[in-house]
């Protein structure tokens, strides 16, 4: 439901209805990365509170703590890996993964 003001922001229930979800997976991974860097673990109850969603909603979006932890670790490590790959200058190194058969 939108207010009479056309510049008004949609209410959370209108956003849920329109988007189909309260929170996107990418937002959970970003929040999970921040949470992990602060606590060195993923506490799903605390993360749900930080993201202002219920624990049930969080589990529906992420399909489990293990998958979320894997994606959080990948989101933190992938930029470093990409930077280091770009820094390699040797012609004798095959940077393709998996290597061609």
Protein backbone atom coordinates (compact mmCIF):
# COMPACT_ATOMS: atom_id res chain seq x y z
CA UNK A 1 0.00 0.00 0.00
CA UNK A 2 1.32 3.41 -0.95
CA UNK A 3 0.36 6.61 0.79
CA UNK A 4 -1.48 9.32 -1.13
CA UNK A 5 1.83 11.12 -1.60
CA UNK A 6 3.32 9.85 -4.90
CA UNK A 7 6.83 10.46 -3.54
CA UNK A 8 6.19 8.29 -0.46
CA UNK A 9 8.22 5.13 -0.07
CA UNK A 10 6.32 1.84 -0.16
CA UNK A 11 5.51 0.22 3.16
CA UNK A 12 7.36 -2.99 4.06
CA UNK A 13 4.24 -5.05 3.37
CA UNK A 14 3.90 -3.48 -0.08
CA UNK A 15 7.56 -4.20 -0.77
CA UNK A 16 7.11 -7.82 0.34
CA UNK A 17 4.04 -8.22 -1.83
CA UNK A 18 5.69 -6.68 -4.88
CA UNK A 19 9.10 -8.31 -4.57
CA UNK A 20 7.93 -11.67 -3.23
CA UNK A 21 10.67 -11.65 -0.59
CA UNK A 22 11.50 -9.50 2.39
CA UNK A 23 15.24 -9.60 1.70
CA UNK A 24 17.42 -10.63 -1.25
CA UNK A 25 20.07 -13.34 -1.01
CA UNK A 26 22.82 -10.87 -1.98
CA UNK A 27 21.80 -8.62 0.92
CA UNK A 28 22.00 -11.56 3.32
CA UNK A 29 25.49 -12.50 2.05
CA UNK A 30 26.67 -8.89 2.43
CA UNK A 31 25.22 -8.70 5.94
CA UNK A 32 26.65 -12.12 6.71
CA UNK A 33 30.12 -10.98 5.62
CA UNK A 34 29.96 -7.99 7.96
CA UNK A 35 28.68 -10.24 10.74
CA UNK A 36 31.44 -12.81 10.11
CA UNK A 37 34.20 -10.17 10.13
CA UNK A 38 32.93 -8.88 13.48
CA UNK A 39 32.31 -12.23 15.19
CA UNK A 40 34.44 -14.78 13.26
CA UNK A 41 31.34 -16.99 12.99
CA UNK A 42 27.78 -16.88 11.65
CA UNK A 43 25.14 -16.84 14.37
CA UNK A 44 21.86 -17.12 12.46
CA UNK A 45 19.74 -15.71 15.30
CA UNK A 46 21.98 -12.65 15.67
CA UNK A 47 22.25 -12.21 11.89
CA UNK A 48 18.46 -12.31 11.50
CA UNK A 49 18.14 -9.60 14.16
CA UNK A 50 20.83 -7.49 12.46
CA UNK A 51 19.03 -7.80 9.11
CA UNK A 52 15.62 -7.11 10.71
CA UNK A 53 14.07 -10.34 9.46
CA UNK A 54 12.77 -13.37 11.28
CA UNK A 55 14.95 -16.43 11.67
CA UNK A 56 12.47 -18.40 9.55
CA UNK A 57 12.70 -15.85 6.74
CA UNK A 58 16.49 -15.91 6.92
CA UNK A 59 16.54 -19.71 6.57
CA UNK A 60 14.08 -19.59 3.66
CA UNK A 61 16.33 -17.15 1.82
CA UNK A 62 19.70 -18.83 2.50
CA UNK A 63 18.77 -22.53 2.47
CA UNK A 64 20.94 -23.18 5.53
CA UNK A 65 23.88 -21.87 7.52
CA UNK A 66 26.50 -23.97 5.73
CA UNK A 67 25.62 -22.57 2.31
CA UNK A 68 25.57 -19.03 3.68
CA UNK A 69 28.95 -19.50 5.35
CA UNK A 70 30.44 -20.82 2.11
CA UNK A 71 29.06 -17.89 0.12
CA UNK A 72 30.23 -15.40 2.76
CA UNK A 73 33.75 -16.84 2.70
CA UNK A 74 33.76 -16.82 -1.12
CA UNK A 75 32.53 -13.20 -1.20
CA UNK A 76 35.40 -12.21 1.09
CA UNK A 77 38.09 -14.26 -0.67
CA UNK A 78 37.19 -13.93 -4.35
CA UNK A 79 38.27 -10.27 -4.74
CA UNK A 80 41.67 -11.15 -3.25
CA UNK A 81 42.01 -14.16 -5.55
CA UNK A 82 41.05 -12.08 -8.60
CA UNK A 83 43.58 -9.37 -7.66
CA UNK A 84 46.36 -11.91 -7.25
CA UNK A 85 45.49 -13.59 -10.57
CA UNK A 86 45.81 -10.22 -12.30
CA UNK A 87 49.18 -9.66 -10.63
CA UNK A 88 50.72 -12.87 -12.04
CA UNK A 89 52.89 -12.01 -15.02
CA UNK A 90 54.74 -15.25 -15.71
CA UNK A 91 54.08 -16.74 -19.13
CA UNK A 92 54.69 -20.24 -17.79
CA UNK A 93 51.70 -20.21 -15.47
CA UNK A 94 48.34 -21.46 -16.74
CA UNK A 95 45.72 -19.41 -14.85
CA UNK A 96 42.75 -21.36 -16.17
CA UNK A 97 40.91 -23.46 -13.63
CA UNK A 98 40.35 -26.25 -14.01
CA UNK A 99 43.39 -26.67 -16.27
CA UNK A 100 42.65 -27.97 -19.76
CA UNK A 101 42.91 -31.73 -20.18
